[in-house]
Amino acid sequence: MKVRKNIEGLFLVAAAVGIFGSYASAETIVAPAPMMAATTKAVAVAAPAIPTVIVVGHRLTAAERANLG
């Protein structure tokens, strides 16, 4: 019973140190000015370079499904 309490305490200390360390080492991101944000959105809309995947195929019939196993 005492070992279980010690492991629980060790876990709580490790969690607290990890949470504090993640906040201490996090980078702060400065929000862009409203005018810069509007320009960025306009550029993103002007160049729609989104890759598109088109899958072409047919469904198996009941006989083909039965042959598969």
N, C-alpha and C. Protein backbone atom coordinates (compact mmCIF):
# COMPACT_ATOMS: atom_id res chain seq x y z
N MET A 1 0.83 -1.19 0.00
CA MET A 1 0.00 0.00 0.00
C MET A 1 0.88 1.26 0.00
N LYS A 2 2.00 1.19 0.73
CA LYS A 2 2.87 2.35 0.81
C LYS A 2 3.57 2.59 -0.54
N VAL A 3 3.89 1.51 -1.26
CA VAL A 3 4.53 1.65 -2.57
C VAL A 3 3.58 2.33 -3.54
N ARG A 4 2.32 1.96 -3.49
CA ARG A 4 1.32 2.55 -4.38
C ARG A 4 1.19 4.06 -4.12
N LYS A 5 1.22 4.47 -2.87
CA LYS A 5 1.14 5.90 -2.55
C LYS A 5 2.38 6.64 -3.03
N ASN A 6 3.54 6.02 -2.91
CA ASN A 6 4.78 6.66 -3.36
C ASN A 6 4.78 6.82 -4.88
N ILE A 7 4.32 5.82 -5.60
CA ILE A 7 4.27 5.91 -7.06
C ILE A 7 3.27 6.98 -7.48
N GLU A 8 2.15 7.08 -6.78
CA GLU A 8 1.16 8.11 -7.08
C GLU A 8 1.75 9.50 -6.86
N GLY A 9 2.47 9.68 -5.79
CA GLY A 9 3.11 10.96 -5.52
C GLY A 9 4.17 11.29 -6.55
N LEU A 10 4.95 10.32 -6.96
CA LEU A 10 5.96 10.51 -8.00
C LEU A 10 5.31 10.91 -9.32
N PHE A 11 4.19 10.27 -9.65
CA PHE A 11 3.47 10.62 -10.87
C PHE A 11 2.96 12.05 -10.82
N LEU A 12 2.40 12.46 -9.69
CA LEU A 12 1.87 13.82 -9.57
C LEU A 12 2.98 14.86 -9.69
N VAL A 13 4.14 14.58 -9.09
CA VAL A 13 5.26 15.51 -9.19
C VAL A 13 5.76 15.57 -10.63
N ALA A 14 5.87 14.43 -11.30
CA ALA A 14 6.32 14.41 -12.69
C ALA A 14 5.34 15.14 -13.60
N ALA A 15 4.05 14.98 -13.35
CA ALA A 15 3.04 15.68 -14.16
C ALA A 15 3.13 17.18 -13.94
N ALA A 16 3.29 17.61 -12.71
CA ALA A 16 3.39 19.04 -12.42
C ALA A 16 4.63 19.64 -13.06
N VAL A 17 5.76 18.94 -12.99
CA VAL A 17 7.00 19.44 -13.61
C VAL A 17 6.85 19.48 -15.13
N GLY A 18 6.21 18.48 -15.70
CA GLY A 18 6.01 18.46 -17.15
C GLY A 18 5.11 19.58 -17.63
N ILE A 19 4.04 19.84 -16.91
CA ILE A 19 3.13 20.92 -17.28
C ILE A 19 3.82 22.27 -17.16
N PHE A 20 4.54 22.48 -16.07
CA PHE A 20 5.26 23.74 -15.89
C PHE A 20 6.33 23.90 -16.97
N GLY A 21 7.03 22.82 -17.29
CA GLY A 21 8.08 22.88 -18.32
C GLY A 21 7.51 23.18 -19.69
N SER A 22 6.35 22.66 -20.01
CA SER A 22 5.76 22.92 -21.32
C SER A 22 5.32 24.38 -21.44
N TYR A 23 4.81 24.95 -20.37
CA TYR A 23 4.44 26.37 -20.40
C TYR A 23 5.67 27.27 -20.43
N ALA A 24 6.72 26.86 -19.73
CA ALA A 24 7.92 27.69 -19.65
C ALA A 24 8.68 27.70 -20.97
N SER A 25 8.63 26.60 -21.72
CA SER A 25 9.40 26.51 -22.97
C SER A 25 8.57 26.82 -24.20
N ALA A 26 7.30 27.15 -24.04
CA ALA A 26 6.44 27.42 -25.19
C ALA A 26 6.80 28.77 -25.80
N GLU A 27 6.72 28.82 -27.14
CA GLU A 27 6.99 30.08 -27.83
C GLU A 27 5.72 30.90 -27.88
N THR A 28 5.89 32.20 -27.80
CA THR A 28 4.73 33.08 -27.92
C THR A 28 4.61 33.51 -29.37
N ILE A 29 3.42 33.44 -29.89
CA ILE A 29 3.16 33.81 -31.28
C ILE A 29 2.45 35.16 -31.27
N VAL A 30 3.03 36.10 -31.99
CA VAL A 30 2.44 37.43 -32.08
C VAL A 30 1.41 37.42 -33.20
N ALA A 31 0.20 37.83 -32.90
CA ALA A 31 -0.86 37.87 -33.91
C ALA A 31 -0.55 38.95 -34.94
N PRO A 32 -0.76 38.65 -36.23
CA PRO A 32 -0.49 39.66 -37.25
C PRO A 32 -1.51 40.80 -37.16
N ALA A 33 -1.09 41.93 -37.68
CA ALA A 33 -1.99 43.08 -37.70
C ALA A 33 -3.17 42.77 -38.61
N PRO A 34 -4.34 43.40 -38.38
CA PRO A 34 -5.52 43.11 -39.21
C PRO A 34 -5.28 43.32 -40.70
N MET A 35 -4.50 44.32 -41.07
CA MET A 35 -4.26 44.58 -42.49
C MET A 35 -3.44 43.44 -43.10
N MET A 36 -2.47 42.90 -42.35
CA MET A 36 -1.65 41.81 -42.86
C MET A 36 -2.48 40.54 -43.01
N ALA A 37 -3.40 40.32 -42.10
CA ALA A 37 -4.23 39.12 -42.15
C ALA A 37 -5.12 39.14 -43.40
N ALA A 38 -5.66 40.29 -43.75
CA ALA A 38 -6.51 40.39 -44.93
C ALA A 38 -5.71 40.12 -46.19
N THR A 39 -4.48 40.57 -46.26
CA THR A 39 -3.62 40.33 -47.41
C THR A 39 -3.29 38.85 -47.52
N THR A 40 -3.02 38.20 -46.41
CA THR A 40 -2.69 36.79 -46.42
C THR A 40 -3.87 35.96 -46.91
N LYS A 41 -5.07 36.30 -46.49
CA LYS A 41 -6.25 35.56 -46.92
C LYS A 41 -6.47 35.74 -48.41
N ALA A 42 -6.25 36.95 -48.92
CA ALA A 42 -6.46 37.20 -50.34
C ALA A 42 -5.49 36.39 -51.18
N VAL A 43 -4.26 36.25 -50.72
CA VAL A 43 -3.26 35.47 -51.46
C VAL A 43 -3.64 33.99 -51.44
N ALA A 44 -4.13 33.51 -50.32
CA ALA A 44 -4.50 32.11 -50.21
C ALA A 44 -5.69 31.79 -51.11
N VAL A 45 -6.62 32.68 -51.25
CA VAL A 45 -7.78 32.44 -52.10
C VAL A 45 -7.40 32.56 -53.57
N ALA A 46 -6.46 33.42 -53.90
CA ALA A 46 -6.08 33.64 -55.29
C ALA A 46 -5.34 32.44 -55.87
N ALA A 47 -4.64 31.67 -55.07
CA ALA A 47 -3.86 30.54 -55.57
C ALA A 47 -4.38 29.23 -54.99
N PRO A 48 -5.44 28.66 -55.56
CA PRO A 48 -5.97 27.41 -55.02
C PRO A 48 -5.16 26.21 -55.51
N ALA A 49 -4.06 25.93 -54.88
CA ALA A 49 -3.20 24.82 -55.27
C ALA A 49 -3.44 23.62 -54.35
N ILE A 50 -4.68 23.20 -54.24
CA ILE A 50 -5.03 22.08 -53.38
C ILE A 50 -5.02 20.80 -54.20
N PRO A 51 -4.22 19.83 -53.84
CA PRO A 51 -4.22 18.57 -54.59
C PRO A 51 -5.54 17.82 -54.39
N THR A 52 -6.07 17.28 -55.47
CA THR A 52 -7.33 16.56 -55.42
C THR A 52 -7.12 15.13 -55.89
N VAL A 53 -7.66 14.18 -55.16
CA VAL A 53 -7.56 12.78 -55.51
C VAL A 53 -8.92 12.30 -55.98
N ILE A 54 -8.97 11.70 -57.16
CA ILE A 54 -10.22 11.16 -57.70
C ILE A 54 -10.06 9.65 -57.80
N VAL A 55 -10.94 8.93 -57.14
CA VAL A 55 -10.89 7.47 -57.13
C VAL A 55 -11.99 6.96 -58.05
N VAL A 56 -11.59 6.15 -59.04
CA VAL A 56 -12.55 5.62 -59.99
C VAL A 56 -12.54 4.09 -59.84
N GLY A 57 -13.71 3.51 -59.72
CA GLY A 57 -13.81 2.07 -59.59
C GLY A 57 -15.25 1.62 -59.69
N HIS A 58 -15.47 0.33 -59.63
CA HIS A 58 -16.83 -0.20 -59.69
C HIS A 58 -17.07 -1.10 -58.49
N ARG A 59 -18.31 -1.25 -58.12
CA ARG A 59 -18.67 -2.12 -57.01
C ARG A 59 -18.69 -3.56 -57.48
N LEU A 60 -18.34 -4.45 -56.54
CA LEU A 60 -18.36 -5.87 -56.86
C LEU A 60 -19.80 -6.39 -56.84
N THR A 61 -20.09 -7.27 -57.75
CA THR A 61 -21.40 -7.91 -57.74
C THR A 61 -21.41 -8.99 -56.64
N ALA A 62 -22.57 -9.55 -56.37
CA ALA A 62 -22.68 -10.58 -55.35
C ALA A 62 -21.86 -11.81 -55.72
N ALA A 63 -21.80 -12.14 -56.99
CA ALA A 63 -21.01 -13.31 -57.43
C ALA A 63 -19.52 -13.04 -57.24
N GLU A 64 -19.06 -11.83 -57.53
CA GLU A 64 -17.65 -11.52 -57.37
C GLU A 64 -17.25 -11.53 -55.89
N ARG A 65 -18.15 -11.02 -55.02
CA ARG A 65 -17.88 -11.04 -53.59
C ARG A 65 -17.82 -12.47 -53.07
N ALA A 66 -18.69 -13.35 -53.59
CA ALA A 66 -18.70 -14.75 -53.15
C ALA A 66 -17.40 -15.45 -53.55
N ASN A 67 -16.85 -15.09 -54.71
CA ASN A 67 -15.60 -15.70 -55.17
C ASN A 67 -14.39 -15.27 -54.33
N LEU A 68 -14.46 -14.10 -53.70
CA LEU A 68 -13.34 -13.61 -52.91
C LEU A 68 -13.16 -14.38 -51.60
N GLY A 69 -14.22 -14.98 -51.13
CA GLY A 69 -13.97 -15.79 -49.95
C GLY A 69 -14.99 -15.68 -48.92
